[in-house]
Amino acid sequence: MGGTVLIVEDEPLLGRNMKIFLTRQGFVAEHAETLADGLRLYETLQPDLVLVDHNLPDGTGLSLIETIRAADRWTKLVMVTAHGGVELAVAAMKAGANDYLTKPVSLSELGLLAGRLLAQSRMEGTSATSPRVNVLAAVSTVLLGRRPPSWN
């Protein structure tokens, strides 16, 4: 399968199990437990897929999805949560998520979803080899009213 996956999940056991499962499925997977660590790892890894828990110790997954999507339209984003319902799913999709998973997460469903989204990325020509934008620089630039050079 291949592809790089970032898991932003504050439950250590779930995050570790998702990482192990995805690694065994042929993905490169990393795990962060906070929004801040997730954003830092996103910058380092430039993943093809980000799985984001909604309730994080330092913010919400919706804010991370919005931050990434504001600067990067190619990375596939999935909201993962035990809380909320249709309203949260709709909010996640409006924020830029490509899909939504509810907890408890079925690992087989996770593997199928990751494979489908990364296959879609390859068809779009937007997998790991595509040009990416520095999210932190892009967001700060957008807030200051200037466009990053890579957006021209």
C-alpha atoms as a PDB file:
ATOM      1  CA  MET A   1       0.000   0.000   0.000  1.00  0.00           C
ATOM      2  CA  GLY A   2       2.471   2.615   1.165  1.00  0.00           C
ATOM      3  CA  GLY A   3       1.961   6.188   2.172  1.00  0.00           C
ATOM      4  CA  THR A   4       2.660   8.186   5.301  1.00  0.00           C
ATOM      5  CA  VAL A   5       0.024   8.468   8.024  1.00  0.00           C
ATOM      6  CA  LEU A   6       0.017  10.795  11.029  1.00  0.00           C
ATOM      7  CA  ILE A   7      -2.229   9.792  13.926  1.00  0.00           C
ATOM      8  CA  VAL A   8      -3.151  12.602  16.344  1.00  0.00           C
ATOM      9  CA  GLU A   9      -4.812  10.756  19.216  1.00  0.00           C
ATOM     10  CA  ASP A  10      -4.549  11.517  22.944  1.00  0.00           C
ATOM     11  CA  GLU A  11      -5.427   7.977  24.052  1.00  0.00           C
ATOM     12  CA  PRO A  12      -1.953   6.335  24.075  1.00  0.00           C
ATOM     13  CA  LEU A  13      -3.207   2.755  23.710  1.00  0.00           C
ATOM     14  CA  LEU A  14      -5.490   3.529  20.764  1.00  0.00           C
ATOM     15  CA  GLY A  15      -2.850   5.682  19.072  1.00  0.00           C
ATOM     16  CA  ARG A  16      -0.216   2.969  19.483  1.00  0.00           C
ATOM     17  CA  ASN A  17      -2.550   0.229  18.217  1.00  0.00           C
ATOM     18  CA  MET A  18      -3.501   2.281  15.158  1.00  0.00           C
ATOM     19  CA  LYS A  19       0.175   2.953  14.442  1.00  0.00           C
ATOM     20  CA  ILE A  20       1.130  -0.726  14.775  1.00  0.00           C
ATOM     21  CA  PHE A  21      -1.782  -1.854  12.607  1.00  0.00           C
ATOM     22  CA  LEU A  22      -1.086   0.677   9.853  1.00  0.00           C
ATOM     23  CA  THR A  23       2.645  -0.128   9.909  1.00  0.00           C
ATOM     24  CA  ARG A  24       1.843  -3.825   9.474  1.00  0.00           C
ATOM     25  CA  GLN A  25      -0.385  -2.860   6.531  1.00  0.00           C
ATOM     26  CA  GLY A  26       2.621  -1.248   4.799  1.00  0.00           C
ATOM     27  CA  PHE A  27       2.149   2.378   5.796  1.00  0.00           C
ATOM     28  CA  VAL A  28       4.708   4.610   7.484  1.00  0.00           C
ATOM     29  CA  ALA A  29       2.835   5.733  10.598  1.00  0.00           C
ATOM     30  CA  GLU A  30       3.633   8.184  13.391  1.00  0.00           C
ATOM     31  CA  HIS A  31       1.641   9.117  16.485  1.00  0.00           C
ATOM     32  CA  ALA A  32       1.224  12.415  18.356  1.00  0.00           C
ATOM     33  CA  GLU A  33      -0.868  12.892  21.512  1.00  0.00           C
ATOM     34  CA  THR A  34      -1.496  16.652  21.324  1.00  0.00           C
ATOM     35  CA  LEU A  35      -2.551  19.183  18.733  1.00  0.00           C
ATOM     36  CA  ALA A  36       0.795  21.013  19.025  1.00  0.00           C
ATOM     37  CA  ASP A  37       2.824  17.818  18.616  1.00  0.00           C
ATOM     38  CA  GLY A  38       0.577  16.804  15.730  1.00  0.00           C
ATOM     39  CA  LEU A  39       1.216  20.072  13.915  1.00  0.00           C
ATOM     40  CA  ARG A  40       4.982  19.751  14.468  1.00  0.00           C
ATOM     41  CA  LEU A  41       4.976  16.165  13.190  1.00  0.00           C
ATOM     42  CA  TYR A  42       2.839  17.227  10.238  1.00  0.00           C
ATOM     43  CA  GLU A  43       5.502  19.777   9.274  1.00  0.00           C
ATOM     44  CA  THR A  44       8.264  17.176   9.575  1.00  0.00           C
ATOM     45  CA  LEU A  45       6.533  14.219   7.929  1.00  0.00           C
ATOM     46  CA  GLN A  46       4.354  15.915   5.300  1.00  0.00           C
ATOM     47  CA  PRO A  47       2.013  12.901   5.568  1.00  0.00           C
ATOM     48  CA  ASP A  48      -0.417  11.758   2.919  1.00  0.00           C
ATOM     49  CA  LEU A  49      -3.109  11.106   5.541  1.00  0.00           C
ATOM     50  CA  VAL A  50      -3.819  12.599   8.985  1.00  0.00           C
ATOM     51  CA  LEU A  51      -6.171  10.869  11.429  1.00  0.00           C
ATOM     52  CA  VAL A  52      -7.324  13.433  14.001  1.00  0.00           C
ATOM     53  CA  ASP A  53      -9.123  12.824  17.294  1.00  0.00           C
ATOM     54  CA  HIS A  54     -11.672  15.528  18.069  1.00  0.00           C
ATOM     55  CA  ASN A  55     -10.948  16.039  21.780  1.00  0.00           C
ATOM     56  CA  LEU A  56      -7.266  16.731  22.371  1.00  0.00           C
ATOM     57  CA  PRO A  57      -5.681  18.086  25.575  1.00  0.00           C
ATOM     58  CA  ASP A  58      -4.680  21.386  23.946  1.00  0.00           C
ATOM     59  CA  GLY A  59      -7.499  21.985  21.475  1.00  0.00           C
ATOM     60  CA  THR A  60      -9.890  20.336  19.065  1.00  0.00           C
ATOM     61  CA  GLY A  61      -9.278  18.205  16.048  1.00  0.00           C
ATOM     62  CA  LEU A  62     -11.476  20.578  14.061  1.00  0.00           C
ATOM     63  CA  SER A  63      -8.955  23.376  14.581  1.00  0.00           C
ATOM     64  CA  LEU A  64      -6.113  21.130  13.403  1.00  0.00           C
ATOM     65  CA  ILE A  65      -8.094  20.114  10.318  1.00  0.00           C
ATOM     66  CA  GLU A  66      -8.844  23.773   9.553  1.00  0.00           C
ATOM     67  CA  THR A  67      -5.175  24.744  10.036  1.00  0.00           C
ATOM     68  CA  ILE A  68      -3.870  22.017   7.749  1.00  0.00           C
ATOM     69  CA  ARG A  69      -6.579  22.507   5.143  1.00  0.00           C
ATOM     70  CA  ALA A  70      -5.985  26.278   5.015  1.00  0.00           C
ATOM     71  CA  ALA A  71      -2.479  25.665   3.722  1.00  0.00           C
ATOM     72  CA  ASP A  72      -2.649  22.203   2.151  1.00  0.00           C
ATOM     73  CA  ARG A  73      -5.538  21.055   0.020  1.00  0.00           C
ATOM     74  CA  TRP A  74      -3.940  17.701  -0.850  1.00  0.00           C
ATOM     75  CA  THR A  75      -3.394  15.887   2.455  1.00  0.00           C
ATOM     76  CA  LYS A  76      -6.274  13.546   3.260  1.00  0.00           C
ATOM     77  CA  LEU A  77      -7.840  14.324   6.652  1.00  0.00           C
ATOM     78  CA  VAL A  78     -10.060  12.070   8.763  1.00  0.00           C
ATOM     79  CA  MET A  79     -11.842  13.047  11.992  1.00  0.00           C
ATOM     80  CA  VAL A  80     -11.904  10.241  14.584  1.00  0.00           C
ATOM     81  CA  THR A  81     -14.079  10.641  17.674  1.00  0.00           C
ATOM     82  CA  ALA A  82     -16.311   8.972  20.218  1.00  0.00           C
ATOM     83  CA  HIS A  83     -18.164  12.229  20.872  1.00  0.00           C
ATOM     84  CA  GLY A  84     -20.672  14.029  18.762  1.00  0.00           C
ATOM     85  CA  GLY A  85     -22.824  12.763  15.999  1.00  0.00           C
ATOM     86  CA  VAL A  86     -24.081  14.032  12.695  1.00  0.00           C
ATOM     87  CA  GLU A  87     -23.393  17.662  13.677  1.00  0.00           C
ATOM     88  CA  LEU A  88     -19.716  16.969  14.366  1.00  0.00           C
ATOM     89  CA  ALA A  89     -19.366  14.907  11.184  1.00  0.00           C
ATOM     90  CA  VAL A  90     -20.825  17.761   9.151  1.00  0.00           C
ATOM     91  CA  ALA A  91     -18.574  20.303  10.933  1.00  0.00           C
ATOM     92  CA  ALA A  92     -15.523  18.120  10.217  1.00  0.00           C
ATOM     93  CA  MET A  93     -16.397  17.869   6.528  1.00  0.00           C
ATOM     94  CA  LYS A  94     -16.989  21.629   6.323  1.00  0.00           C
ATOM     95  CA  ALA A  95     -13.598  22.195   7.990  1.00  0.00           C
ATOM     96  CA  GLY A  96     -11.955  20.119   5.269  1.00  0.00           C
ATOM     97  CA  ALA A  97     -12.032  16.504   6.451  1.00  0.00           C
ATOM     98  CA  ASN A  98     -12.292  13.865   3.750  1.00  0.00           C
ATOM     99  CA  ASP A  99     -13.991  11.345   6.012  1.00  0.00           C
ATOM    100  CA  TYR A 100     -15.103  10.581   9.554  1.00  0.00           C
ATOM    101  CA  LEU A 101     -14.623   7.541  11.827  1.00  0.00           C
ATOM    102  CA  THR A 102     -16.360   6.828  15.124  1.00  0.00           C
ATOM    103  CA  LYS A 103     -14.807   5.114  18.120  1.00  0.00           C
ATOM    104  CA  PRO A 104     -14.385   2.354  18.874  1.00  0.00           C
ATOM    105  CA  VAL A 105     -12.380   2.253  15.663  1.00  0.00           C
ATOM    106  CA  SER A 106     -12.481  -0.980  13.701  1.00  0.00           C
ATOM    107  CA  LEU A 107      -8.890  -1.545  12.574  1.00  0.00           C
ATOM    108  CA  SER A 108     -10.054  -3.321   9.425  1.00  0.00           C
ATOM    109  CA  GLU A 109     -12.274  -0.324   8.573  1.00  0.00           C
ATOM    110  CA  LEU A 110      -9.327   1.987   9.291  1.00  0.00           C
ATOM    111  CA  GLY A 111      -7.096  -0.005   6.937  1.00  0.00           C
ATOM    112  CA  LEU A 112      -9.693   0.065   4.155  1.00  0.00           C
ATOM    113  CA  LEU A 113     -10.266   3.801   4.574  1.00  0.00           C
ATOM    114  CA  ALA A 114      -6.539   4.585   4.593  1.00  0.00           C
ATOM    115  CA  GLY A 115      -6.005   2.462   1.500  1.00  0.00           C
ATOM    116  CA  ARG A 116      -8.928   4.104  -0.317  1.00  0.00           C
ATOM    117  CA  LEU A 117      -7.852   7.659   0.517  1.00  0.00           C
ATOM    118  CA  LEU A 118      -4.224   7.047  -0.424  1.00  0.00           C
ATOM    119  CA  ALA A 119      -5.257   5.361  -3.673  1.00  0.00           C
ATOM    120  CA  GLN A 120      -7.322   8.480  -4.373  1.00  0.00           C
ATOM    121  CA  SER A 121      -4.233  10.623  -3.665  1.00  0.00           C
ATOM    122  CA  ARG A 122      -2.181   8.601  -6.137  1.00  0.00           C
ATOM    123  CA  MET A 123      -4.900   8.964  -8.791  1.00  0.00           C
ATOM    124  CA  GLU A 124      -4.970  12.715  -8.163  1.00  0.00           C
ATOM    125  CA  GLY A 125      -1.177  12.827  -8.317  1.00  0.00           C
ATOM    126  CA  THR A 126      -1.063  14.303  -4.825  1.00  0.00           C
ATOM    127  CA  SER A 127       0.772  11.699  -2.766  1.00  0.00           C
ATOM    128  CA  ALA A 128       4.069  12.235  -0.936  1.00  0.00           C
ATOM    129  CA  THR A 129       5.920  13.458  -4.030  1.00  0.00           C
ATOM    130  CA  SER A 130       3.606  16.444  -4.541  1.00  0.00           C
ATOM    131  CA  PRO A 131       4.715  19.944  -3.612  1.00  0.00           C
ATOM    132  CA  ARG A 132       3.653  20.912  -0.108  1.00  0.00           C
ATOM    133  CA  VAL A 133       3.292  24.203   1.699  1.00  0.00           C
ATOM    134  CA  ASN A 134       4.830  24.969   5.097  1.00  0.00           C
ATOM    135  CA  VAL A 135       1.623  25.104   7.159  1.00  0.00           C
ATOM    136  CA  LEU A 136       2.963  27.323   9.939  1.00  0.00           C
ATOM    137  CA  ALA A 137       4.416  29.842   7.490  1.00  0.00           C
ATOM    138  CA  ALA A 138       1.330  29.745   5.296  1.00  0.00           C
ATOM    139  CA  VAL A 139      -1.099  30.241   8.178  1.00  0.00           C
ATOM    140  CA  SER A 140       0.900  33.118   9.663  1.00  0.00           C
ATOM    141  CA  THR A 141       1.247  34.643   6.199  1.00  0.00           C
ATOM    142  CA  VAL A 142      -2.488  34.338   5.510  1.00  0.00           C
ATOM    143  CA  LEU A 143      -3.268  35.941   8.867  1.00  0.00           C
ATOM    144  CA  LEU A 144      -0.952  38.827   7.973  1.00  0.00           C
ATOM    145  CA  GLY A 145      -2.505  39.214   4.535  1.00  0.00           C
ATOM    146  CA  ARG A 146       0.361  37.998   2.345  1.00  0.00           C
ATOM    147  CA  ARG A 147       0.452  34.878   0.179  1.00  0.00           C
ATOM    148  CA  PRO A 148       3.373  32.439   0.480  1.00  0.00           C
ATOM    149  CA  PRO A 149       5.543  32.262  -2.667  1.00  0.00           C
ATOM    150  CA  SER A 150       4.560  28.604  -3.221  1.00  0.00           C
ATOM    151  CA  TRP A 151       0.902  29.696  -3.663  1.00  0.00           C
ATOM    152  CA  ASN A 152       1.635  31.917  -6.677  1.00  0.00           C
END
